[in-house]
């Protein structure tokens, strides 16, 4: 987290404990999706820059008002700039990119870089960031990998993402270094394709209940 960040993302994530990771197929989907997530108790969401309509979807969800919405899969400074202009309150990257971090700082928006090794974590800490995304968490070794990284870096806080489902959620959240867990199971592509917002709301509510101590 940057000291210049306009959003206290640590507080947001620690309060939410759950970060829905969304690949929104169209801007028209964004409003009903935001309604379903908020009704299910979600407090924040990450809209990935993986679709042609991602920017417009982010803008629509950011305007909803019921969620703290950020941009995910931000790989370049240009994407970071566009995401902030669309209303992103935070940026999440799949890896560590100094240009993305610098652009976020210039905009007063916190950046959560992805890390997969101790070396990358050290780079993030050296850059003044103590909140990182462990990605892809499960393929890297899951909670065992997280424990191994957290031990020598007690100042680090993690948002593990990648391959995590509701069955693994309690295991990750039980670790004191985990602020929140990112996952896409609450709003899968199949659910969004058929517009099953009732199921998205149900899955979100179940996940929120499971993330509450």
C-alpha atoms as a PDB file:
ATOM      1  CA  UNK A   1       0.000   0.000   0.000  1.00  0.00           C
ATOM      2  CA  UNK A   2       1.255   3.460  -0.844  1.00  0.00           C
ATOM      3  CA  UNK A   3       1.174   6.153   1.784  1.00  0.00           C
ATOM      4  CA  UNK A   4      -0.379   8.397  -0.859  1.00  0.00           C
ATOM      5  CA  UNK A   5      -3.324   6.128  -1.579  1.00  0.00           C
ATOM      6  CA  UNK A   6      -6.728   7.799  -1.527  1.00  0.00           C
ATOM      7  CA  UNK A   7      -8.507   4.600  -0.535  1.00  0.00           C
ATOM      8  CA  UNK A   8      -7.540   2.790   2.655  1.00  0.00           C
ATOM      9  CA  UNK A   9      -7.549  -0.518   0.857  1.00  0.00           C
ATOM     10  CA  UNK A  10      -6.124  -2.410   3.811  1.00  0.00           C
ATOM     11  CA  UNK A  11      -9.145  -1.398   5.871  1.00  0.00           C
ATOM     12  CA  UNK A  12     -11.537  -2.193   3.013  1.00  0.00           C
ATOM     13  CA  UNK A  13     -10.104  -5.668   2.433  1.00  0.00           C
ATOM     14  CA  UNK A  14      -9.713  -6.487   6.112  1.00  0.00           C
ATOM     15  CA  UNK A  15     -13.337  -5.491   6.644  1.00  0.00           C
ATOM     16  CA  UNK A  16     -14.629  -7.385   3.621  1.00  0.00           C
ATOM     17  CA  UNK A  17     -12.383 -10.491   3.842  1.00  0.00           C
ATOM     18  CA  UNK A  18     -13.673 -11.416   0.396  1.00  0.00           C
ATOM     19  CA  UNK A  19     -12.803  -9.953  -3.021  1.00  0.00           C
ATOM     20  CA  UNK A  20     -15.035 -11.133  -5.883  1.00  0.00           C
ATOM     21  CA  UNK A  21     -12.913 -11.241  -9.057  1.00  0.00           C
ATOM     22  CA  UNK A  22     -15.131 -10.493 -12.033  1.00  0.00           C
ATOM     23  CA  UNK A  23     -14.722 -10.933 -15.762  1.00  0.00           C
ATOM     24  CA  UNK A  24     -17.736  -8.952 -16.931  1.00  0.00           C
ATOM     25  CA  UNK A  25     -18.798  -9.814 -20.500  1.00  0.00           C
ATOM     26  CA  UNK A  26     -20.657  -6.564 -21.221  1.00  0.00           C
ATOM     27  CA  UNK A  27     -21.408  -3.188 -19.708  1.00  0.00           C
ATOM     28  CA  UNK A  28     -25.108  -4.132 -19.632  1.00  0.00           C
ATOM     29  CA  UNK A  29     -24.244  -6.893 -17.176  1.00  0.00           C
ATOM     30  CA  UNK A  30     -22.514  -4.543 -14.739  1.00  0.00           C
ATOM     31  CA  UNK A  31     -25.535  -2.963 -13.043  1.00  0.00           C
ATOM     32  CA  UNK A  32     -27.440  -6.163 -12.227  1.00  0.00           C
ATOM     33  CA  UNK A  33     -24.172  -7.818 -11.197  1.00  0.00           C
ATOM     34  CA  UNK A  34     -23.327  -5.005  -8.786  1.00  0.00           C
ATOM     35  CA  UNK A  35     -26.864  -5.233  -7.357  1.00  0.00           C
ATOM     36  CA  UNK A  36     -26.520  -9.000  -6.812  1.00  0.00           C
ATOM     37  CA  UNK A  37     -23.103  -8.734  -5.172  1.00  0.00           C
ATOM     38  CA  UNK A  38     -24.145  -5.914  -2.866  1.00  0.00           C
ATOM     39  CA  UNK A  39     -27.372  -7.720  -1.953  1.00  0.00           C
ATOM     40  CA  UNK A  40     -25.298 -10.769  -1.076  1.00  0.00           C
ATOM     41  CA  UNK A  41     -23.196  -8.709   1.315  1.00  0.00           C
ATOM     42  CA  UNK A  42     -20.074  -8.077  -0.764  1.00  0.00           C
ATOM     43  CA  UNK A  43     -18.312  -4.815   0.051  1.00  0.00           C
ATOM     44  CA  UNK A  44     -15.762  -4.653  -2.750  1.00  0.00           C
ATOM     45  CA  UNK A  45     -15.102  -6.154  -6.179  1.00  0.00           C
ATOM     46  CA  UNK A  46     -12.365  -6.408  -8.785  1.00  0.00           C
ATOM     47  CA  UNK A  47     -13.293  -5.984 -12.457  1.00  0.00           C
ATOM     48  CA  UNK A  48     -10.627  -7.581 -14.634  1.00  0.00           C
ATOM     49  CA  UNK A  49      -9.338  -5.916 -17.796  1.00  0.00           C
ATOM     50  CA  UNK A  50      -9.879  -9.066 -19.849  1.00  0.00           C
ATOM     51  CA  UNK A  51     -12.862  -8.154 -22.047  1.00  0.00           C
ATOM     52  CA  UNK A  52     -13.498  -5.430 -24.642  1.00  0.00           C
ATOM     53  CA  UNK A  53     -16.171  -3.886 -22.385  1.00  0.00           C
ATOM     54  CA  UNK A  54     -14.101  -4.025 -19.196  1.00  0.00           C
ATOM     55  CA  UNK A  55     -13.628  -0.270 -19.002  1.00  0.00           C
ATOM     56  CA  UNK A  56     -17.337   0.493 -19.407  1.00  0.00           C
ATOM     57  CA  UNK A  57     -18.278  -2.307 -17.022  1.00  0.00           C
ATOM     58  CA  UNK A  58     -15.895  -0.895 -14.435  1.00  0.00           C
ATOM     59  CA  UNK A  59     -17.386   2.564 -14.874  1.00  0.00           C
ATOM     60  CA  UNK A  60     -20.923   1.238 -14.407  1.00  0.00           C
ATOM     61  CA  UNK A  61     -20.019  -0.794 -11.322  1.00  0.00           C
ATOM     62  CA  UNK A  62     -18.057   2.078  -9.797  1.00  0.00           C
ATOM     63  CA  UNK A  63     -21.118   4.293 -10.207  1.00  0.00           C
ATOM     64  CA  UNK A  64     -23.270   1.780  -8.329  1.00  0.00           C
ATOM     65  CA  UNK A  65     -22.182   3.155  -4.977  1.00  0.00           C
ATOM     66  CA  UNK A  66     -22.680  -0.012  -2.966  1.00  0.00           C
ATOM     67  CA  UNK A  67     -19.231  -1.466  -3.604  1.00  0.00           C
ATOM     68  CA  UNK A  68     -15.621  -0.338  -3.519  1.00  0.00           C
ATOM     69  CA  UNK A  69     -14.651  -1.286  -7.069  1.00  0.00           C
ATOM     70  CA  UNK A  70     -11.159  -1.747  -8.434  1.00  0.00           C
ATOM     71  CA  UNK A  71      -9.575  -2.894 -11.662  1.00  0.00           C
ATOM     72  CA  UNK A  72      -7.814  -6.222 -12.045  1.00  0.00           C
ATOM     73  CA  UNK A  73      -5.409  -7.723 -14.570  1.00  0.00           C
ATOM     74  CA  UNK A  74      -3.818  -4.286 -14.921  1.00  0.00           C
ATOM     75  CA  UNK A  75      -0.603  -4.985 -16.820  1.00  0.00           C
ATOM     76  CA  UNK A  76       0.467  -1.572 -18.164  1.00  0.00           C
ATOM     77  CA  UNK A  77       0.605   2.050 -17.060  1.00  0.00           C
ATOM     78  CA  UNK A  78      -1.826   2.884 -19.876  1.00  0.00           C
ATOM     79  CA  UNK A  79      -4.366   0.401 -18.518  1.00  0.00           C
ATOM     80  CA  UNK A  80      -3.847   1.824 -15.032  1.00  0.00           C
ATOM     81  CA  UNK A  81      -4.604   5.302 -16.313  1.00  0.00           C
ATOM     82  CA  UNK A  82      -7.754   4.149 -18.087  1.00  0.00           C
ATOM     83  CA  UNK A  83      -8.916   2.201 -15.042  1.00  0.00           C
ATOM     84  CA  UNK A  84      -8.526   5.194 -12.735  1.00  0.00           C
ATOM     85  CA  UNK A  85     -10.369   7.398 -15.226  1.00  0.00           C
ATOM     86  CA  UNK A  86     -13.218   4.841 -15.236  1.00  0.00           C
ATOM     87  CA  UNK A  87     -13.517   5.092 -11.462  1.00  0.00           C
ATOM     88  CA  UNK A  88     -11.275   2.329 -10.104  1.00  0.00           C
ATOM     89  CA  UNK A  89     -10.547   2.839  -6.402  1.00  0.00           C
ATOM     90  CA  UNK A  90      -7.665   0.367  -6.465  1.00  0.00           C
ATOM     91  CA  UNK A  91      -5.571  -1.521  -9.020  1.00  0.00           C
ATOM     92  CA  UNK A  92      -4.600  -5.198  -8.973  1.00  0.00           C
ATOM     93  CA  UNK A  93      -1.872  -6.569 -11.209  1.00  0.00           C
ATOM     94  CA  UNK A  94      -1.030 -10.212 -11.966  1.00  0.00           C
ATOM     95  CA  UNK A  95       2.659  -9.410 -11.432  1.00  0.00           C
ATOM     96  CA  UNK A  96       5.029  -6.705 -10.241  1.00  0.00           C
ATOM     97  CA  UNK A  97       5.344  -3.797 -12.685  1.00  0.00           C
ATOM     98  CA  UNK A  98       7.027  -0.583 -11.557  1.00  0.00           C
ATOM     99  CA  UNK A  99       5.224   1.530 -14.177  1.00  0.00           C
ATOM    100  CA  UNK A 100       1.806   0.376 -12.970  1.00  0.00           C
ATOM    101  CA  UNK A 101       2.770   1.123  -9.372  1.00  0.00           C
ATOM    102  CA  UNK A 102       4.099   4.567 -10.287  1.00  0.00           C
ATOM    103  CA  UNK A 103       0.954   5.442 -12.243  1.00  0.00           C
ATOM    104  CA  UNK A 104      -1.221   4.340  -9.341  1.00  0.00           C
ATOM    105  CA  UNK A 105       0.774   6.492  -6.942  1.00  0.00           C
ATOM    106  CA  UNK A 106       0.565   9.487  -9.255  1.00  0.00           C
ATOM    107  CA  UNK A 107      -3.216   9.044  -9.289  1.00  0.00           C
ATOM    108  CA  UNK A 108      -3.492   8.490  -5.529  1.00  0.00           C
ATOM    109  CA  UNK A 109      -4.865   4.977  -6.093  1.00  0.00           C
ATOM    110  CA  UNK A 110      -3.409   1.960  -4.230  1.00  0.00           C
ATOM    111  CA  UNK A 111      -1.886  -0.885  -6.218  1.00  0.00           C
ATOM    112  CA  UNK A 112      -1.788  -4.539  -5.197  1.00  0.00           C
ATOM    113  CA  UNK A 113       0.925  -6.235  -7.265  1.00  0.00           C
ATOM    114  CA  UNK A 114       0.935  -9.948  -7.916  1.00  0.00           C
ATOM    115  CA  UNK A 115       3.833 -11.946  -6.512  1.00  0.00           C
ATOM    116  CA  UNK A 116       4.791 -15.597  -6.831  1.00  0.00           C
ATOM    117  CA  UNK A 117       8.251 -15.693  -5.231  1.00  0.00           C
ATOM    118  CA  UNK A 118      10.177 -14.331  -2.268  1.00  0.00           C
ATOM    119  CA  UNK A 119      12.204 -12.175  -4.663  1.00  0.00           C
ATOM    120  CA  UNK A 120       9.070 -10.506  -6.023  1.00  0.00           C
ATOM    121  CA  UNK A 121       7.757  -9.982  -2.499  1.00  0.00           C
ATOM    122  CA  UNK A 122      11.035  -8.298  -1.548  1.00  0.00           C
ATOM    123  CA  UNK A 123      10.702  -5.985  -4.558  1.00  0.00           C
ATOM    124  CA  UNK A 124       7.184  -5.035  -3.495  1.00  0.00           C
ATOM    125  CA  UNK A 125       8.251  -4.352   0.085  1.00  0.00           C
ATOM    126  CA  UNK A 126      11.240  -2.320  -1.119  1.00  0.00           C
ATOM    127  CA  UNK A 127       8.827  -0.253  -3.230  1.00  0.00           C
ATOM    128  CA  UNK A 128       6.875   0.578  -0.087  1.00  0.00           C
ATOM    129  CA  UNK A 129       3.993  -1.843  -0.657  1.00  0.00           C
ATOM    130  CA  UNK A 130       3.001  -4.223   2.114  1.00  0.00           C
ATOM    131  CA  UNK A 131      -0.173  -5.647   0.535  1.00  0.00           C
ATOM    132  CA  UNK A 132       0.381  -8.112  -2.305  1.00  0.00           C
ATOM    133  CA  UNK A 133      -1.614 -10.607  -4.317  1.00  0.00           C
ATOM    134  CA  UNK A 134      -0.326 -14.173  -4.105  1.00  0.00           C
ATOM    135  CA  UNK A 135      -1.064 -15.421  -7.611  1.00  0.00           C
ATOM    136  CA  UNK A 136      -1.832 -18.047  -8.741  1.00  0.00           C
ATOM    137  CA  UNK A 137      -2.223 -19.193  -5.148  1.00  0.00           C
ATOM    138  CA  UNK A 138      -3.276 -22.824  -5.495  1.00  0.00           C
ATOM    139  CA  UNK A 139      -0.925 -23.794  -8.351  1.00  0.00           C
ATOM    140  CA  UNK A 140       1.936 -22.232  -6.368  1.00  0.00           C
ATOM    141  CA  UNK A 141       1.274 -24.484  -3.374  1.00  0.00           C
ATOM    142  CA  UNK A 142      -1.715 -22.932  -1.678  1.00  0.00           C
ATOM    143  CA  UNK A 143      -1.715 -22.179   2.009  1.00  0.00           C
ATOM    144  CA  UNK A 144       1.639 -23.945   2.484  1.00  0.00           C
ATOM    145  CA  UNK A 145       3.259 -21.507   0.056  1.00  0.00           C
ATOM    146  CA  UNK A 146       1.611 -18.574   1.785  1.00  0.00           C
ATOM    147  CA  UNK A 147       2.867 -19.705   5.183  1.00  0.00           C
ATOM    148  CA  UNK A 148       6.371 -20.116   3.805  1.00  0.00           C
ATOM    149  CA  UNK A 149       6.396 -16.580   2.394  1.00  0.00           C
ATOM    150  CA  UNK A 150       4.760 -14.977   5.419  1.00  0.00           C
ATOM    151  CA  UNK A 151       7.249 -16.402   7.925  1.00  0.00           C
ATOM    152  CA  UNK A 152      10.308 -14.320   6.935  1.00  0.00           C
ATOM    153  CA  UNK A 153       8.218 -11.269   5.970  1.00  0.00           C
ATOM    154  CA  UNK A 154       5.883 -10.588   8.915  1.00  0.00           C
ATOM    155  CA  UNK A 155       5.051  -7.119   7.607  1.00  0.00           C
ATOM    156  CA  UNK A 156       3.502  -8.483   4.419  1.00  0.00           C
ATOM    157  CA  UNK A 157      -0.243  -8.839   3.950  1.00  0.00           C
ATOM    158  CA  UNK A 158      -1.662 -11.140   1.308  1.00  0.00           C
ATOM    159  CA  UNK A 159      -4.681 -11.355  -0.970  1.00  0.00           C
ATOM    160  CA  UNK A 160      -4.374 -14.910  -2.324  1.00  0.00           C
ATOM    161  CA  UNK A 161      -6.134 -15.441  -5.651  1.00  0.00           C
ATOM    162  CA  UNK A 162      -6.170 -18.229  -8.201  1.00  0.00           C
ATOM    163  CA  UNK A 163      -7.794 -21.637  -7.946  1.00  0.00           C
ATOM    164  CA  UNK A 164      -9.492 -20.856  -4.628  1.00  0.00           C
ATOM    165  CA  UNK A 165     -13.079 -21.950  -4.077  1.00  0.00           C
ATOM    166  CA  UNK A 166     -15.479 -21.875  -1.144  1.00  0.00           C
ATOM    167  CA  UNK A 167     -14.070 -25.102   0.300  1.00  0.00           C
ATOM    168  CA  UNK A 168     -10.606 -23.541   0.688  1.00  0.00           C
ATOM    169  CA  UNK A 169     -11.788 -20.123   1.861  1.00  0.00           C
ATOM    170  CA  UNK A 170     -11.700 -20.808   5.636  1.00  0.00           C
ATOM    171  CA  UNK A 171      -8.203 -22.287   5.422  1.00  0.00           C
ATOM    172  CA  UNK A 172      -6.766 -19.155   3.848  1.00  0.00           C
ATOM    173  CA  UNK A 173      -8.700 -16.721   6.029  1.00  0.00           C
ATOM    174  CA  UNK A 174      -7.454 -18.439   9.166  1.00  0.00           C
ATOM    175  CA  UNK A 175      -3.922 -17.185   8.460  1.00  0.00           C
ATOM    176  CA  UNK A 176      -3.281 -13.823  10.178  1.00  0.00           C
ATOM    177  CA  UNK A 177      -1.333 -12.454   7.190  1.00  0.00           C
ATOM    178  CA  UNK A 178      -4.335 -12.813   4.853  1.00  0.00           C
ATOM    179  CA  UNK A 179      -6.406  -9.654   4.480  1.00  0.00           C
ATOM    180  CA  UNK A 180      -8.912 -11.107   2.035  1.00  0.00           C
ATOM    181  CA  UNK A 181      -9.289 -13.884  -0.507  1.00  0.00           C
ATOM    182  CA  UNK A 182      -9.987 -13.244  -4.163  1.00  0.00           C
ATOM    183  CA  UNK A 183     -12.161 -15.615  -6.141  1.00  0.00           C
ATOM    184  CA  UNK A 184     -14.425 -15.860  -9.173  1.00  0.00           C
ATOM    185  CA  UNK A 185     -16.722 -18.684  -8.078  1.00  0.00           C
ATOM    186  CA  UNK A 186     -19.425 -16.245  -6.946  1.00  0.00           C
ATOM    187  CA  UNK A 187     -19.945 -14.878 -10.459  1.00  0.00           C
ATOM    188  CA  UNK A 188     -18.659 -17.349 -13.014  1.00  0.00           C
ATOM    189  CA  UNK A 189     -18.814 -16.827 -16.745  1.00  0.00           C
ATOM    190  CA  UNK A 190     -21.608 -19.368 -17.022  1.00  0.00           C
ATOM    191  CA  UNK A 191     -23.727 -17.579 -14.409  1.00  0.00           C
ATOM    192  CA  UNK A 192     -23.189 -14.214 -16.092  1.00  0.00           C
ATOM    193  CA  UNK A 193     -23.919 -15.629 -19.541  1.00  0.00           C
ATOM    194  CA  UNK A 194     -27.337 -16.844 -18.467  1.00  0.00           C
ATOM    195  CA  UNK A 195     -28.026 -13.829 -16.233  1.00  0.00           C
ATOM    196  CA  UNK A 196     -28.528 -15.885 -13.089  1.00  0.00           C
ATOM    197  CA  UNK A 197     -28.182 -13.006 -10.648  1.00  0.00           C
ATOM    198  CA  UNK A 198     -30.224 -14.785  -7.997  1.00  0.00           C
ATOM    199  CA  UNK A 199     -27.590 -17.527  -7.873  1.00  0.00           C
ATOM    200  CA  UNK A 200     -24.799 -14.948  -7.823  1.00  0.00           C
ATOM    201  CA  UNK A 201     -26.478 -13.306  -4.862  1.00  0.00           C
ATOM    202  CA  UNK A 202     -26.849 -16.674  -3.101  1.00  0.00           C
ATOM    203  CA  UNK A 203     -23.251 -17.701  -3.691  1.00  0.00           C
ATOM    204  CA  UNK A 204     -22.022 -14.294  -2.552  1.00  0.00           C
ATOM    205  CA  UNK A 205     -24.100 -14.438   0.627  1.00  0.00           C
ATOM    206  CA  UNK A 206     -22.797 -17.926   1.387  1.00  0.00           C
ATOM    207  CA  UNK A 207     -19.205 -16.799   0.819  1.00  0.00           C
ATOM    208  CA  UNK A 208     -19.650 -13.702   2.961  1.00  0.00           C
ATOM    209  CA  UNK A 209     -21.103 -15.827   5.747  1.00  0.00           C
ATOM    210  CA  UNK A 210     -18.179 -18.226   5.423  1.00  0.00           C
ATOM    211  CA  UNK A 211     -15.676 -15.380   5.642  1.00  0.00           C
ATOM    212  CA  UNK A 212     -17.127 -13.936   8.828  1.00  0.00           C
ATOM    213  CA  UNK A 213     -15.296 -14.970  12.014  1.00  0.00           C
END
